[in-house]
Every structure is written in structure tokens, then in C-alpha cells.
């Protein structure tokens, strides 16, 4: 008896659908975690920039014998105390404030502790 053997090459529709479903589930888990990690990184970078501004402001006040309520401008801090002016990664802007106050960012949540 001769049997006709048919060799099926390739995947069935069900197998392809299962693979697509698994990839979709993995993406549903990974994408929100990636977005959260990106936001956390931006916040930490902004806080590090605020600390840098605060340190430059304190050095400026000590070296120029300024009072605690003196407010430096950006030109007072650069290039002597800061090489370049930092930029907020979330597109906020920095306010220097007085020596006895912390610098601030316009983005909510980006503040020195």
C-alpha cells in the first residue's frame, strides 16, 4: 500500500496566534515599567541638577561674602562655579532663589528633599 505522505512545513494559525498573544502579554507588562523607569530617571536627574545649583550658590556666597538672603543670577554662578547651566530632562526651568532657600524646578515633583 502506498500511502501519500504530506509533509506540512510551517506553523498553523493557532500556533501563530499563541505566539502573538504571548508577545502581547510581555509588552503589556514591560511598557508601563519602562515608562515608570524613564520618569524616575528624569526626576532623579533633575534633583541632581538642583543639588548642583545649590552647591554652586553656596560656594558663590562663601567666596564673595554674601548674606544669606542674597540671590545670585546665572551669570554669577557660571563659569566659575558651574561649567554649564543644567537643563531639566522634563523640559522644566530652574529658579535659583536666595542663598538660604532651595532652588526650584517648574515640573511638579522635581524638588530637593
C-alpha atoms as a PDB file:
ATOM      1  CA  UNK A   1       0.000   0.000   0.000  1.00  0.00           C
ATOM      2  CA  UNK A   2       1.228   3.323  -0.951  1.00  0.00           C
ATOM      3  CA  UNK A   3       0.393   5.996   1.430  1.00  0.00           C
ATOM      4  CA  UNK A   4       0.613   9.501   0.319  1.00  0.00           C
ATOM      5  CA  UNK A   5       2.661  11.348   2.848  1.00  0.00           C
ATOM      6  CA  UNK A   6       2.178  15.005   3.006  1.00  0.00           C
ATOM      7  CA  UNK A   7       4.897  16.951   4.702  1.00  0.00           C
ATOM      8  CA  UNK A   8       3.500  20.100   6.250  1.00  0.00           C
ATOM      9  CA  UNK A   9       6.046  22.777   6.617  1.00  0.00           C
ATOM     10  CA  UNK A  10       5.313  25.877   8.619  1.00  0.00           C
ATOM     11  CA  UNK A  11       3.127  26.840  11.536  1.00  0.00           C
ATOM     12  CA  UNK A  12      -0.591  26.567  11.969  1.00  0.00           C
ATOM     13  CA  UNK A  13      -2.745  29.605  12.540  1.00  0.00           C
ATOM     14  CA  UNK A  14      -3.340  28.619  16.170  1.00  0.00           C
ATOM     15  CA  UNK A  15       0.391  28.401  16.870  1.00  0.00           C
ATOM     16  CA  UNK A  16       0.988  31.828  15.365  1.00  0.00           C
ATOM     17  CA  UNK A  17      -1.896  33.301  17.375  1.00  0.00           C
ATOM     18  CA  UNK A  18      -0.481  31.857  20.603  1.00  0.00           C
ATOM     19  CA  UNK A  19       2.948  33.386  19.910  1.00  0.00           C
ATOM     20  CA  UNK A  20       1.359  36.779  19.147  1.00  0.00           C
ATOM     21  CA  UNK A  21      -0.677  36.544  22.361  1.00  0.00           C
ATOM     22  CA  UNK A  22       2.421  35.798  24.436  1.00  0.00           C
ATOM     23  CA  UNK A  23       4.303  38.714  22.871  1.00  0.00           C
ATOM     24  CA  UNK A  24       1.328  40.985  23.590  1.00  0.00           C
ATOM     25  CA  UNK A  25       1.258  39.940  27.246  1.00  0.00           C
ATOM     26  CA  UNK A  26       5.001  40.561  27.602  1.00  0.00           C
ATOM     27  CA  UNK A  27       4.623  44.018  26.056  1.00  0.00           C
ATOM     28  CA  UNK A  28       1.699  44.828  28.347  1.00  0.00           C
ATOM     29  CA  UNK A  29       3.945  44.065  31.310  1.00  0.00           C
ATOM     30  CA  UNK A  30       7.143  45.708  30.020  1.00  0.00           C
ATOM     31  CA  UNK A  31       5.907  49.028  28.593  1.00  0.00           C
ATOM     32  CA  UNK A  32       4.445  50.502  31.829  1.00  0.00           C
ATOM     33  CA  UNK A  33       7.590  49.501  33.725  1.00  0.00           C
ATOM     34  CA  UNK A  34       9.742  51.171  31.076  1.00  0.00           C
ATOM     35  CA  UNK A  35       7.697  54.384  31.277  1.00  0.00           C
ATOM     36  CA  UNK A  36       7.922  54.402  35.076  1.00  0.00           C
ATOM     37  CA  UNK A  37      11.692  53.864  34.961  1.00  0.00           C
ATOM     38  CA  UNK A  38      12.077  56.732  32.481  1.00  0.00           C
ATOM     39  CA  UNK A  39      10.052  59.104  34.688  1.00  0.00           C
ATOM     40  CA  UNK A  40      12.020  58.106  37.784  1.00  0.00           C
ATOM     41  CA  UNK A  41      15.280  58.700  35.927  1.00  0.00           C
ATOM     42  CA  UNK A  42      14.142  62.162  34.839  1.00  0.00           C
ATOM     43  CA  UNK A  43      13.157  63.080  38.385  1.00  0.00           C
ATOM     44  CA  UNK A  44      16.481  61.913  39.831  1.00  0.00           C
ATOM     45  CA  UNK A  45      18.446  63.779  37.167  1.00  0.00           C
ATOM     46  CA  UNK A  46      16.518  66.970  37.886  1.00  0.00           C
ATOM     47  CA  UNK A  47      17.125  66.656  41.632  1.00  0.00           C
ATOM     48  CA  UNK A  48      20.850  66.115  40.960  1.00  0.00           C
ATOM     49  CA  UNK A  49      20.837  69.309  38.870  1.00  0.00           C
ATOM     50  CA  UNK A  50      19.129  71.197  41.702  1.00  0.00           C
ATOM     51  CA  UNK A  51      21.809  69.956  44.122  1.00  0.00           C
ATOM     52  CA  UNK A  52      24.484  71.180  41.724  1.00  0.00           C
ATOM     53  CA  UNK A  53      22.868  74.624  41.579  1.00  0.00           C
ATOM     54  CA  UNK A  54      22.579  74.686  45.388  1.00  0.00           C
ATOM     55  CA  UNK A  55      26.267  73.801  45.821  1.00  0.00           C
ATOM     56  CA  UNK A  56      27.365  76.466  43.324  1.00  0.00           C
ATOM     57  CA  UNK A  57      25.160  79.016  45.052  1.00  0.00           C
ATOM     58  CA  UNK A  58      26.700  78.224  48.460  1.00  0.00           C
ATOM     59  CA  UNK A  59      30.242  78.448  47.075  1.00  0.00           C
ATOM     60  CA  UNK A  60      29.417  81.789  45.450  1.00  0.00           C
ATOM     61  CA  UNK A  61      28.047  83.141  48.741  1.00  0.00           C
ATOM     62  CA  UNK A  62      31.074  81.996  50.749  1.00  0.00           C
ATOM     63  CA  UNK A  63      33.706  83.263  48.315  1.00  0.00           C
ATOM     64  CA  UNK A  64      32.052  86.635  47.733  1.00  0.00           C
ATOM     65  CA  UNK A  65      30.957  87.180  51.375  1.00  0.00           C
ATOM     66  CA  UNK A  66      27.263  87.438  50.538  1.00  0.00           C
ATOM     67  CA  UNK A  67      24.415  87.469  53.053  1.00  0.00           C
ATOM     68  CA  UNK A  68      22.014  84.548  53.422  1.00  0.00           C
ATOM     69  CA  UNK A  69      19.247  86.438  51.660  1.00  0.00           C
ATOM     70  CA  UNK A  70      21.393  87.363  48.624  1.00  0.00           C
ATOM     71  CA  UNK A  71      20.204  85.925  45.325  1.00  0.00           C
ATOM     72  CA  UNK A  72      22.793  85.164  42.644  1.00  0.00           C
ATOM     73  CA  UNK A  73      21.989  85.276  38.954  1.00  0.00           C
ATOM     74  CA  UNK A  74      23.004  82.668  36.433  1.00  0.00           C
ATOM     75  CA  UNK A  75      25.968  84.772  35.316  1.00  0.00           C
ATOM     76  CA  UNK A  76      27.334  84.815  38.889  1.00  0.00           C
ATOM     77  CA  UNK A  77      27.493  81.013  39.008  1.00  0.00           C
ATOM     78  CA  UNK A  78      28.856  80.323  35.529  1.00  0.00           C
ATOM     79  CA  UNK A  79      31.620  79.563  34.539  1.00  0.00           C
ATOM     80  CA  UNK A  80      33.365  79.895  37.919  1.00  0.00           C
ATOM     81  CA  UNK A  81      31.150  77.585  39.990  1.00  0.00           C
ATOM     82  CA  UNK A  82      29.365  75.637  37.245  1.00  0.00           C
ATOM     83  CA  UNK A  83      30.806  74.659  33.889  1.00  0.00           C
ATOM     84  CA  UNK A  84      27.456  74.946  32.111  1.00  0.00           C
ATOM     85  CA  UNK A  85      23.861  75.568  33.094  1.00  0.00           C
ATOM     86  CA  UNK A  86      21.945  72.290  33.556  1.00  0.00           C
ATOM     87  CA  UNK A  87      18.679  71.599  31.772  1.00  0.00           C
ATOM     88  CA  UNK A  88      15.720  69.774  33.269  1.00  0.00           C
ATOM     89  CA  UNK A  89      15.170  66.493  31.376  1.00  0.00           C
ATOM     90  CA  UNK A  90      11.400  67.001  31.667  1.00  0.00           C
ATOM     91  CA  UNK A  91      11.598  70.448  29.986  1.00  0.00           C
ATOM     92  CA  UNK A  92      11.180  72.411  33.215  1.00  0.00           C
ATOM     93  CA  UNK A  93      13.004  75.600  34.110  1.00  0.00           C
ATOM     94  CA  UNK A  94      15.114  76.254  37.184  1.00  0.00           C
ATOM     95  CA  UNK A  95      14.774  79.170  39.589  1.00  0.00           C
ATOM     96  CA  UNK A  96      17.927  79.903  41.594  1.00  0.00           C
ATOM     97  CA  UNK A  97      16.317  81.595  44.667  1.00  0.00           C
ATOM     98  CA  UNK A  98      18.182  83.152  47.592  1.00  0.00           C
ATOM     99  CA  UNK A  99      21.164  81.511  49.268  1.00  0.00           C
ATOM    100  CA  UNK A 100      19.056  80.400  52.259  1.00  0.00           C
ATOM    101  CA  UNK A 101      16.351  78.841  50.018  1.00  0.00           C
ATOM    102  CA  UNK A 102      16.464  75.769  47.794  1.00  0.00           C
ATOM    103  CA  UNK A 103      16.452  76.186  44.018  1.00  0.00           C
ATOM    104  CA  UNK A 104      13.230  75.021  42.362  1.00  0.00           C
ATOM    105  CA  UNK A 105      12.038  73.435  39.132  1.00  0.00           C
ATOM    106  CA  UNK A 106       8.744  74.206  37.420  1.00  0.00           C
ATOM    107  CA  UNK A 107       7.903  70.499  36.998  1.00  0.00           C
ATOM    108  CA  UNK A 108       5.800  69.077  39.834  1.00  0.00           C
ATOM    109  CA  UNK A 109       7.669  66.540  41.955  1.00  0.00           C
ATOM    110  CA  UNK A 110      11.092  67.833  40.975  1.00  0.00           C
ATOM    111  CA  UNK A 111      12.233  69.370  44.259  1.00  0.00           C
ATOM    112  CA  UNK A 112      15.051  68.983  46.743  1.00  0.00           C
ATOM    113  CA  UNK A 113      14.049  66.970  49.793  1.00  0.00           C
END
